[in-house]
Amino acid sequence: MENNITKTLITLRESRNMSQAQLANLMGLNKNVMGRIERGLRSLRADEIVRLAKIFDVSTDFI
């Protein structure tokens, strides 16, 4: 069940030619957890949104 956050996350990741495993590693998460996040099966926590914003150099509002 995709939502706007998952679409944005996938778009950001793919625009940087990054795999789910690479992003999961940067986030300190298991790649399976990253897959669940991208499929909308697990919500992002506030601290994870902040980490994503830093990784992709965007605002938390953008995510």
N, C-alpha and C. Protein backbone atom coordinates (compact mmCIF):
# COMPACT_ATOMS: atom_id res chain seq x y z
N MET A 1 0.84 -1.18 0.00
CA MET A 1 0.00 0.00 0.00
C MET A 1 0.88 1.25 0.00
N GLU A 2 1.21 1.75 -1.18
CA GLU A 2 2.07 2.92 -1.29
C GLU A 2 1.34 4.19 -0.88
N ASN A 3 2.10 5.09 -0.31
CA ASN A 3 1.57 6.42 -0.01
C ASN A 3 2.58 7.44 -0.53
N ASN A 4 2.33 8.71 -0.27
CA ASN A 4 3.22 9.74 -0.79
C ASN A 4 4.64 9.62 -0.27
N ILE A 5 4.78 9.24 1.00
CA ILE A 5 6.13 9.11 1.56
C ILE A 5 6.88 7.99 0.86
N THR A 6 6.24 6.86 0.64
CA THR A 6 6.94 5.75 -0.01
C THR A 6 7.29 6.10 -1.44
N LYS A 7 6.40 6.79 -2.15
CA LYS A 7 6.70 7.21 -3.53
C LYS A 7 7.89 8.16 -3.55
N THR A 8 7.90 9.11 -2.62
CA THR A 8 9.00 10.07 -2.54
C THR A 8 10.31 9.36 -2.23
N LEU A 9 10.26 8.44 -1.28
CA LEU A 9 11.46 7.70 -0.88
C LEU A 9 12.02 6.90 -2.05
N ILE A 10 11.16 6.20 -2.76
CA ILE A 10 11.61 5.40 -3.90
C ILE A 10 12.19 6.30 -4.99
N THR A 11 11.53 7.42 -5.26
CA THR A 11 12.01 8.35 -6.28
C THR A 11 13.38 8.91 -5.91
N LEU A 12 13.55 9.32 -4.65
CA LEU A 12 14.84 9.85 -4.21
C LEU A 12 15.93 8.79 -4.33
N ARG A 13 15.63 7.59 -3.86
CA ARG A 13 16.62 6.50 -3.88
C ARG A 13 17.02 6.16 -5.31
N GLU A 14 16.03 6.00 -6.17
CA GLU A 14 16.32 5.64 -7.56
C GLU A 14 17.02 6.75 -8.33
N SER A 15 16.71 8.01 -7.99
CA SER A 15 17.36 9.13 -8.69
C SER A 15 18.85 9.19 -8.39
N ARG A 16 19.25 8.54 -7.32
CA ARG A 16 20.67 8.49 -6.95
C ARG A 16 21.29 7.13 -7.22
N ASN A 17 20.56 6.32 -8.02
CA ASN A 17 21.03 4.98 -8.38
C ASN A 17 21.47 4.18 -7.16
N MET A 18 20.66 4.24 -6.12
CA MET A 18 20.96 3.58 -4.86
C MET A 18 20.03 2.37 -4.69
N SER A 19 20.59 1.27 -4.23
CA SER A 19 19.77 0.09 -3.98
C SER A 19 19.10 0.21 -2.61
N GLN A 20 18.09 -0.61 -2.40
CA GLN A 20 17.44 -0.66 -1.08
C GLN A 20 18.47 -1.03 -0.02
N ALA A 21 19.34 -1.98 -0.35
CA ALA A 21 20.36 -2.43 0.61
C ALA A 21 21.32 -1.30 0.97
N GLN A 22 21.71 -0.50 -0.02
CA GLN A 22 22.62 0.62 0.25
C GLN A 22 21.96 1.64 1.15
N LEU A 23 20.70 1.97 0.86
CA LEU A 23 19.99 2.95 1.69
C LEU A 23 19.77 2.39 3.08
N ALA A 24 19.41 1.14 3.17
CA ALA A 24 19.21 0.51 4.48
C ALA A 24 20.49 0.60 5.30
N ASN A 25 21.63 0.36 4.67
CA ASN A 25 22.91 0.43 5.36
C ASN A 25 23.17 1.85 5.88
N LEU A 26 22.92 2.85 5.05
CA LEU A 26 23.09 4.24 5.48
C LEU A 26 22.16 4.61 6.63
N MET A 27 20.98 3.99 6.62
CA MET A 27 19.98 4.27 7.64
C MET A 27 20.19 3.46 8.91
N GLY A 28 21.05 2.45 8.83
CA GLY A 28 21.26 1.57 9.98
C GLY A 28 20.11 0.57 10.15
N LEU A 29 19.48 0.22 9.02
CA LEU A 29 18.35 -0.70 9.04
C LEU A 29 18.69 -1.96 8.25
N ASN A 30 17.95 -3.01 8.49
CA ASN A 30 18.03 -4.23 7.71
C ASN A 30 17.38 -3.96 6.35
N LYS A 31 17.92 -4.56 5.28
CA LYS A 31 17.35 -4.31 3.95
C LYS A 31 15.91 -4.79 3.85
N ASN A 32 15.53 -5.80 4.62
CA ASN A 32 14.14 -6.26 4.61
C ASN A 32 13.21 -5.21 5.22
N VAL A 33 13.69 -4.51 6.23
CA VAL A 33 12.91 -3.44 6.84
C VAL A 33 12.72 -2.31 5.83
N MET A 34 13.78 -1.98 5.10
CA MET A 34 13.68 -0.94 4.07
C MET A 34 12.66 -1.34 3.01
N GLY A 35 12.64 -2.60 2.65
CA GLY A 35 11.65 -3.08 1.68
C GLY A 35 10.23 -2.92 2.19
N ARG A 36 10.03 -3.21 3.47
CA ARG A 36 8.69 -3.05 4.05
C ARG A 36 8.29 -1.58 4.10
N ILE A 37 9.25 -0.71 4.38
CA ILE A 37 8.97 0.73 4.40
C ILE A 37 8.54 1.17 2.99
N GLU A 38 9.29 0.75 1.97
CA GLU A 38 8.98 1.16 0.61
C GLU A 38 7.66 0.58 0.11
N ARG A 39 7.26 -0.55 0.64
CA ARG A 39 5.97 -1.13 0.24
C ARG A 39 4.82 -0.59 1.09
N GLY A 40 5.13 0.28 2.04
CA GLY A 40 4.09 0.88 2.88
C GLY A 40 3.60 -0.03 3.98
N LEU A 41 4.37 -1.08 4.29
CA LEU A 41 3.97 -2.03 5.33
C LEU A 41 4.52 -1.65 6.70
N ARG A 42 5.44 -0.68 6.71
CA ARG A 42 6.01 -0.19 7.97
C ARG A 42 6.16 1.32 7.86
N SER A 43 5.72 2.01 8.87
CA SER A 43 5.83 3.46 8.87
C SER A 43 7.23 3.90 9.25
N LEU A 44 7.60 5.07 8.75
CA LEU A 44 8.87 5.67 9.16
C LEU A 44 8.69 6.36 10.50
N ARG A 45 9.68 6.21 11.35
CA ARG A 45 9.69 6.94 12.62
C ARG A 45 10.25 8.34 12.34
N ALA A 46 9.99 9.25 13.25
CA ALA A 46 10.43 10.64 13.08
C ALA A 46 11.95 10.72 12.89
N ASP A 47 12.72 9.96 13.68
CA ASP A 47 14.18 10.01 13.55
C ASP A 47 14.64 9.45 12.21
N GLU A 48 13.90 8.52 11.64
CA GLU A 48 14.25 7.97 10.34
C GLU A 48 13.98 8.98 9.23
N ILE A 49 12.93 9.76 9.38
CA ILE A 49 12.64 10.82 8.40
C ILE A 49 13.75 11.86 8.41
N VAL A 50 14.22 12.20 9.60
CA VAL A 50 15.33 13.17 9.72
C VAL A 50 16.58 12.61 9.05
N ARG A 51 16.88 11.33 9.29
CA ARG A 51 18.05 10.70 8.67
C ARG A 51 17.93 10.70 7.15
N LEU A 52 16.75 10.36 6.64
CA LEU A 52 16.54 10.37 5.18
C LEU A 52 16.75 11.76 4.60
N ALA A 53 16.24 12.76 5.28
CA ALA A 53 16.40 14.14 4.81
C ALA A 53 17.88 14.51 4.71
N LYS A 54 18.66 14.08 5.69
CA LYS A 54 20.10 14.36 5.66
C LYS A 54 20.79 13.59 4.54
N ILE A 55 20.44 12.34 4.37
CA ILE A 55 21.05 11.51 3.33
C ILE A 55 20.79 12.10 1.95
N PHE A 56 19.55 12.53 1.71
CA PHE A 56 19.17 13.03 0.38
C PHE A 56 19.25 14.55 0.26
N ASP A 57 19.68 15.23 1.33
CA ASP A 57 19.84 16.68 1.33
C ASP A 57 18.55 17.39 0.90
N VAL A 58 17.46 16.99 1.57
CA VAL A 58 16.16 17.62 1.35
C VAL A 58 15.55 17.94 2.72
N SER A 59 14.48 18.70 2.74
CA SER A 59 13.82 19.00 4.01
C SER A 59 12.97 17.82 4.44
N THR A 60 12.69 17.76 5.73
CA THR A 60 11.80 16.71 6.22
C THR A 60 10.40 16.90 5.65
N ASP A 61 10.00 18.13 5.39
CA ASP A 61 8.70 18.39 4.78
C ASP A 61 8.61 17.78 3.39
N PHE A 62 9.71 17.78 2.66
CA PHE A 62 9.73 17.22 1.31
C PHE A 62 9.44 15.72 1.35
N ILE A 63 10.01 15.07 2.34
CA ILE A 63 9.80 13.63 2.49
C ILE A 63 8.39 13.39 2.94
